[in-house]
């Protein structure tokens, strides 16, 4: 399974999320077979399409792979975008909801200075 920490931004909003693609990596590995069985038991399709579990990086909120379970515009919009663009996203990318929705013309920059 692949993980990425992403920066979610919206109007007066900034927080970090941990996203996990709930697809096991190596289809021939015995551990992967166990992961597939375990994940399918809980309804994850393991079909190699991005199936993104998202939670706050703080770990004090719920986690879900259903963007509509969040109940707010910021997380729902960001989660859908992350699913659609998972393979293009890099660790630390900014997911700017206002930019995604066309409310601003310039995407917000990261809160962090990355030294590389």
N, C-alpha and C. Protein backbone atom coordinates (compact mmCIF):
# COMPACT_ATOMS: atom_id res chain seq x y z
N UNK A 1 0.84 -1.17 0.00
CA UNK A 1 0.00 0.00 0.00
C UNK A 1 0.89 1.24 0.00
N UNK A 2 0.45 2.24 -0.70
CA UNK A 2 1.24 3.47 -0.83
C UNK A 2 0.61 4.56 0.02
N UNK A 3 1.44 5.35 0.70
CA UNK A 3 0.95 6.46 1.52
C UNK A 3 1.52 7.78 1.03
N UNK A 4 0.76 8.85 1.28
CA UNK A 4 1.22 10.21 0.97
C UNK A 4 0.64 11.15 2.01
N UNK A 5 1.45 12.09 2.47
CA UNK A 5 0.97 13.19 3.30
C UNK A 5 0.74 14.37 2.37
N UNK A 6 -0.47 14.93 2.42
CA UNK A 6 -0.84 16.03 1.54
C UNK A 6 -1.35 17.20 2.37
N UNK A 7 -1.23 18.39 1.81
CA UNK A 7 -1.63 19.63 2.47
C UNK A 7 -2.96 20.10 1.89
N UNK A 8 -4.01 20.13 2.69
CA UNK A 8 -5.32 20.58 2.23
C UNK A 8 -5.51 22.04 2.58
N UNK A 9 -5.95 22.81 1.56
CA UNK A 9 -6.16 24.24 1.73
C UNK A 9 -7.52 24.61 1.18
N UNK A 10 -8.13 25.59 1.82
CA UNK A 10 -9.40 26.17 1.38
C UNK A 10 -9.45 27.57 1.99
N UNK A 11 -10.59 28.23 1.89
CA UNK A 11 -10.71 29.54 2.53
C UNK A 11 -10.39 29.41 4.02
N UNK A 12 -9.39 30.14 4.47
CA UNK A 12 -9.00 30.16 5.89
C UNK A 12 -8.85 28.75 6.46
N UNK A 13 -8.41 27.82 5.64
CA UNK A 13 -8.27 26.43 6.07
C UNK A 13 -6.92 25.88 5.67
N UNK A 14 -6.28 25.21 6.63
CA UNK A 14 -5.03 24.52 6.38
C UNK A 14 -4.96 23.33 7.31
N UNK A 15 -4.77 22.15 6.76
CA UNK A 15 -4.46 20.98 7.58
C UNK A 15 -3.81 19.92 6.71
N UNK A 16 -3.17 18.99 7.39
CA UNK A 16 -2.47 17.91 6.71
C UNK A 16 -3.27 16.63 6.83
N UNK A 17 -3.24 15.83 5.76
CA UNK A 17 -3.92 14.54 5.79
C UNK A 17 -2.94 13.45 5.41
N UNK A 18 -3.21 12.28 5.94
CA UNK A 18 -2.50 11.07 5.55
C UNK A 18 -3.44 10.30 4.65
N UNK A 19 -2.97 9.97 3.46
CA UNK A 19 -3.77 9.21 2.50
C UNK A 19 -3.07 7.89 2.22
N UNK A 20 -3.86 6.83 2.16
CA UNK A 20 -3.33 5.50 1.90
C UNK A 20 -4.12 4.90 0.75
N UNK A 21 -3.42 4.49 -0.30
CA UNK A 21 -4.08 3.75 -1.38
C UNK A 21 -4.22 2.31 -0.89
N UNK A 22 -5.45 1.88 -0.67
CA UNK A 22 -5.74 0.59 -0.05
C UNK A 22 -5.67 -0.56 -1.06
N UNK A 23 -4.70 -0.50 -1.94
CA UNK A 23 -4.41 -1.59 -2.87
C UNK A 23 -3.05 -2.17 -2.52
N UNK A 24 -2.98 -3.46 -2.19
CA UNK A 24 -1.69 -4.07 -1.90
C UNK A 24 -0.76 -3.96 -3.11
N UNK A 25 0.54 -3.89 -2.81
CA UNK A 25 1.55 -3.61 -3.84
C UNK A 25 1.86 -4.77 -4.78
N UNK A 26 2.33 -5.87 -4.24
CA UNK A 26 2.87 -6.95 -5.05
C UNK A 26 1.91 -8.14 -5.09
N UNK A 27 1.27 -8.36 -6.23
CA UNK A 27 0.25 -9.42 -6.29
C UNK A 27 0.79 -10.84 -6.09
N UNK A 28 2.09 -11.06 -6.19
CA UNK A 28 2.63 -12.41 -6.05
C UNK A 28 3.15 -12.73 -4.65
N UNK A 29 3.23 -11.75 -3.80
CA UNK A 29 3.79 -11.90 -2.46
C UNK A 29 2.73 -12.51 -1.52
N UNK A 30 3.16 -13.42 -0.63
CA UNK A 30 2.22 -14.06 0.32
C UNK A 30 1.58 -13.04 1.26
N UNK A 31 2.35 -12.07 1.73
CA UNK A 31 1.80 -11.03 2.59
C UNK A 31 0.73 -10.25 1.85
N UNK A 32 0.95 -9.98 0.57
CA UNK A 32 -0.04 -9.28 -0.24
C UNK A 32 -1.33 -10.08 -0.35
N UNK A 33 -1.22 -11.39 -0.49
CA UNK A 33 -2.43 -12.22 -0.53
C UNK A 33 -3.22 -12.07 0.76
N UNK A 34 -2.53 -12.05 1.91
CA UNK A 34 -3.19 -11.84 3.19
C UNK A 34 -3.87 -10.47 3.21
N UNK A 35 -3.13 -9.43 2.77
CA UNK A 35 -3.70 -8.08 2.75
C UNK A 35 -4.95 -8.02 1.89
N UNK A 36 -4.91 -8.62 0.71
CA UNK A 36 -6.08 -8.61 -0.18
C UNK A 36 -7.29 -9.27 0.48
N UNK A 37 -7.08 -10.42 1.12
CA UNK A 37 -8.19 -11.10 1.79
C UNK A 37 -8.74 -10.25 2.93
N UNK A 38 -7.84 -9.68 3.73
CA UNK A 38 -8.27 -8.85 4.85
C UNK A 38 -9.03 -7.61 4.37
N UNK A 39 -8.49 -6.93 3.37
CA UNK A 39 -9.13 -5.72 2.86
C UNK A 39 -10.48 -6.02 2.21
N UNK A 40 -10.56 -7.10 1.45
CA UNK A 40 -11.83 -7.46 0.81
C UNK A 40 -12.89 -7.81 1.85
N UNK A 41 -12.48 -8.36 2.99
CA UNK A 41 -13.41 -8.67 4.08
C UNK A 41 -14.13 -7.40 4.53
N UNK A 42 -13.45 -6.27 4.46
CA UNK A 42 -14.02 -4.99 4.88
C UNK A 42 -14.51 -4.14 3.71
N UNK A 43 -14.66 -4.74 2.55
CA UNK A 43 -15.29 -4.06 1.43
C UNK A 43 -14.37 -3.30 0.49
N UNK A 44 -13.08 -3.36 0.70
CA UNK A 44 -12.16 -2.71 -0.24
C UNK A 44 -12.02 -3.59 -1.47
N UNK A 45 -12.19 -3.03 -2.67
CA UNK A 45 -12.20 -3.86 -3.87
C UNK A 45 -10.84 -4.42 -4.29
N UNK A 46 -9.74 -3.77 -3.93
CA UNK A 46 -8.39 -4.23 -4.33
C UNK A 46 -8.35 -4.49 -5.84
N UNK A 47 -8.81 -3.53 -6.60
CA UNK A 47 -8.91 -3.69 -8.05
C UNK A 47 -7.87 -2.86 -8.81
N UNK A 48 -6.87 -2.37 -8.09
CA UNK A 48 -5.79 -1.56 -8.65
C UNK A 48 -6.22 -0.17 -9.10
N UNK A 49 -7.47 0.20 -8.88
CA UNK A 49 -7.90 1.59 -9.06
C UNK A 49 -7.66 2.28 -7.72
N UNK A 50 -7.29 3.56 -7.72
CA UNK A 50 -7.06 4.23 -6.45
C UNK A 50 -8.28 4.12 -5.52
N UNK A 51 -8.05 3.61 -4.34
CA UNK A 51 -9.08 3.48 -3.30
C UNK A 51 -8.46 4.12 -2.06
N UNK A 52 -8.68 5.41 -1.91
CA UNK A 52 -7.90 6.22 -0.98
C UNK A 52 -8.59 6.38 0.36
N UNK A 53 -7.94 5.87 1.40
CA UNK A 53 -8.36 6.09 2.77
C UNK A 53 -7.69 7.39 3.22
N UNK A 54 -8.49 8.33 3.74
CA UNK A 54 -7.95 9.63 4.15
C UNK A 54 -8.28 9.88 5.61
N UNK A 55 -7.32 10.44 6.33
CA UNK A 55 -7.53 10.84 7.72
C UNK A 55 -6.65 12.04 8.03
N UNK A 56 -7.01 12.79 9.07
CA UNK A 56 -6.16 13.89 9.53
C UNK A 56 -4.83 13.33 10.00
N UNK A 57 -3.77 14.02 9.72
CA UNK A 57 -2.45 13.57 10.12
C UNK A 57 -2.33 13.50 11.65
N UNK A 58 -3.08 14.34 12.35
CA UNK A 58 -3.06 14.30 13.82
C UNK A 58 -3.55 12.97 14.37
N UNK A 59 -4.39 12.28 13.62
CA UNK A 59 -4.91 10.99 14.06
C UNK A 59 -6.05 11.11 15.06
N UNK A 60 -6.63 12.30 15.20
CA UNK A 60 -7.70 12.46 16.18
C UNK A 60 -9.08 12.63 15.53
N UNK A 61 -9.21 12.20 14.30
CA UNK A 61 -10.48 12.28 13.59
C UNK A 61 -10.70 10.92 12.93
N UNK A 62 -11.85 10.76 12.30
CA UNK A 62 -12.10 9.46 11.66
C UNK A 62 -11.33 9.36 10.34
N UNK A 63 -11.33 8.17 9.80
CA UNK A 63 -10.71 7.89 8.51
C UNK A 63 -11.78 7.25 7.64
N UNK A 64 -11.76 7.58 6.36
CA UNK A 64 -12.73 7.00 5.44
C UNK A 64 -12.18 6.95 4.03
N UNK A 65 -12.69 6.01 3.25
CA UNK A 65 -12.36 5.98 1.83
C UNK A 65 -13.53 6.51 1.01
N UNK A 66 -14.55 7.02 1.65
CA UNK A 66 -15.73 7.58 0.98
C UNK A 66 -15.71 9.10 1.09
N UNK A 67 -15.42 9.81 -0.01
CA UNK A 67 -15.35 11.27 0.04
C UNK A 67 -16.64 11.93 0.55
N UNK A 68 -17.78 11.29 0.35
CA UNK A 68 -19.06 11.89 0.74
C UNK A 68 -19.37 11.67 2.21
N UNK A 69 -18.56 10.87 2.88
CA UNK A 69 -18.74 10.62 4.31
C UNK A 69 -18.29 11.81 5.16
N UNK A 70 -17.46 12.67 4.60
CA UNK A 70 -16.93 13.80 5.36
C UNK A 70 -18.00 14.81 5.72
N UNK A 71 -18.91 15.09 4.83
CA UNK A 71 -19.98 16.03 5.13
C UNK A 71 -19.61 17.50 5.05
N UNK A 72 -18.43 17.83 4.54
CA UNK A 72 -18.10 19.23 4.33
C UNK A 72 -17.40 19.41 2.99
N UNK A 73 -17.48 20.59 2.48
CA UNK A 73 -17.00 20.88 1.13
C UNK A 73 -15.50 20.67 1.01
N UNK A 74 -14.72 21.10 1.98
CA UNK A 74 -13.27 21.03 1.88
C UNK A 74 -12.79 19.59 1.75
N UNK A 75 -13.16 18.75 2.69
CA UNK A 75 -12.66 17.37 2.68
C UNK A 75 -13.27 16.56 1.55
N UNK A 76 -14.55 16.77 1.27
CA UNK A 76 -15.19 16.02 0.17
C UNK A 76 -14.53 16.35 -1.17
N UNK A 77 -14.38 17.64 -1.46
CA UNK A 77 -13.78 18.06 -2.73
C UNK A 77 -12.33 17.59 -2.83
N UNK A 78 -11.57 17.77 -1.76
CA UNK A 78 -10.17 17.36 -1.76
C UNK A 78 -10.04 15.85 -1.93
N UNK A 79 -10.86 15.08 -1.21
CA UNK A 79 -10.78 13.62 -1.27
C UNK A 79 -11.10 13.13 -2.69
N UNK A 80 -12.14 13.66 -3.31
CA UNK A 80 -12.45 13.29 -4.70
C UNK A 80 -11.29 13.62 -5.63
N UNK A 81 -10.69 14.80 -5.45
CA UNK A 81 -9.56 15.20 -6.29
C UNK A 81 -8.39 14.25 -6.09
N UNK A 82 -8.12 13.88 -4.85
CA UNK A 82 -7.01 12.97 -4.56
C UNK A 82 -7.22 11.62 -5.23
N UNK A 83 -8.44 11.11 -5.18
CA UNK A 83 -8.75 9.83 -5.85
C UNK A 83 -8.50 9.95 -7.35
N UNK A 84 -9.01 11.01 -7.96
CA UNK A 84 -8.90 11.19 -9.41
C UNK A 84 -7.47 11.43 -9.87
N UNK A 85 -6.63 11.99 -9.00
CA UNK A 85 -5.27 12.39 -9.41
C UNK A 85 -4.18 11.68 -8.61
N UNK A 86 -4.52 10.58 -7.95
CA UNK A 86 -3.59 9.89 -7.06
C UNK A 86 -2.23 9.64 -7.70
N UNK A 87 -2.21 9.12 -8.90
CA UNK A 87 -0.95 8.75 -9.55
C UNK A 87 -0.10 9.95 -9.94
N UNK A 88 -0.70 11.13 -10.02
CA UNK A 88 0.04 12.35 -10.37
C UNK A 88 0.55 13.08 -9.13
N UNK A 89 -0.06 12.83 -7.97
CA UNK A 89 0.28 13.57 -6.76
C UNK A 89 1.57 13.07 -6.14
N UNK A 90 2.31 14.03 -5.59
CA UNK A 90 3.56 13.74 -4.89
C UNK A 90 3.39 14.05 -3.41
N UNK A 91 4.18 13.40 -2.60
CA UNK A 91 4.20 13.68 -1.16
C UNK A 91 4.33 15.19 -0.94
N UNK A 92 3.46 15.75 -0.10
CA UNK A 92 3.54 17.18 0.24
C UNK A 92 2.80 18.10 -0.70
N UNK A 93 2.18 17.59 -1.75
CA UNK A 93 1.45 18.46 -2.68
C UNK A 93 0.32 19.19 -1.96
N UNK A 94 0.02 20.38 -2.47
CA UNK A 94 -1.07 21.19 -1.95
C UNK A 94 -2.34 20.85 -2.73
N UNK A 95 -3.40 20.53 -2.00
CA UNK A 95 -4.72 20.30 -2.60
C UNK A 95 -5.54 21.53 -2.25
N UNK A 96 -5.69 22.45 -3.20
CA UNK A 96 -6.34 23.74 -2.99
C UNK A 96 -7.78 23.68 -3.50
N UNK A 97 -8.72 23.60 -2.57
CA UNK A 97 -10.14 23.43 -2.92
C UNK A 97 -10.67 24.63 -3.68
N UNK A 98 -10.31 25.84 -3.28
CA UNK A 98 -10.77 27.02 -4.02
C UNK A 98 -10.29 26.97 -5.47
N UNK A 99 -9.06 26.57 -5.69
CA UNK A 99 -8.51 26.46 -7.04
C UNK A 99 -9.21 25.35 -7.83
N UNK A 100 -9.43 24.20 -7.19
CA UNK A 100 -10.11 23.07 -7.84
C UNK A 100 -11.50 23.48 -8.31
N UNK A 101 -12.21 24.25 -7.48
CA UNK A 101 -13.58 24.66 -7.80
C UNK A 101 -13.63 25.90 -8.70
N UNK A 102 -12.47 26.43 -9.09
CA UNK A 102 -12.43 27.59 -9.98
C UNK A 102 -12.75 28.90 -9.30
N UNK A 103 -12.66 28.94 -7.98
CA UNK A 103 -12.96 30.18 -7.24
C UNK A 103 -11.76 31.11 -7.20
N UNK A 104 -10.57 30.56 -7.42
CA UNK A 104 -9.36 31.37 -7.54
C UNK A 104 -8.62 30.92 -8.79
N UNK A 105 -7.79 31.79 -9.29
CA UNK A 105 -7.05 31.48 -10.51
C UNK A 105 -5.62 31.00 -10.23
N UNK A 106 -5.14 31.23 -9.01
CA UNK A 106 -3.78 30.85 -8.64
C UNK A 106 -3.84 29.85 -7.49
N UNK A 107 -3.16 28.73 -7.68
CA UNK A 107 -3.12 27.69 -6.64
C UNK A 107 -2.25 28.15 -5.47
N UNK A 108 -2.73 27.89 -4.26
CA UNK A 108 -1.98 28.23 -3.06
C UNK A 108 -0.66 27.45 -3.02
N UNK A 109 0.35 28.05 -2.41
CA UNK A 109 1.63 27.39 -2.22
C UNK A 109 1.68 26.74 -0.85
N UNK A 110 2.61 25.83 -0.70
CA UNK A 110 2.76 25.11 0.57
C UNK A 110 3.12 26.06 1.72
N UNK A 111 2.68 25.68 2.92
CA UNK A 111 3.04 26.40 4.13
C UNK A 111 4.49 26.12 4.52
N UNK A 112 5.07 25.09 3.93
CA UNK A 112 6.41 24.65 4.33
C UNK A 112 7.42 24.94 3.24
N UNK A 113 8.62 25.29 3.67
CA UNK A 113 9.72 25.44 2.74
C UNK A 113 10.43 24.08 2.68
N UNK A 114 10.48 23.52 1.51
CA UNK A 114 11.13 22.22 1.33
C UNK A 114 12.54 22.48 0.82
N UNK A 115 13.55 21.90 1.47
CA UNK A 115 14.94 22.23 1.13
C UNK A 115 15.48 21.55 -0.12
N UNK A 116 14.64 20.93 -0.92
CA UNK A 116 15.17 20.27 -2.10
C UNK A 116 14.35 20.58 -3.32
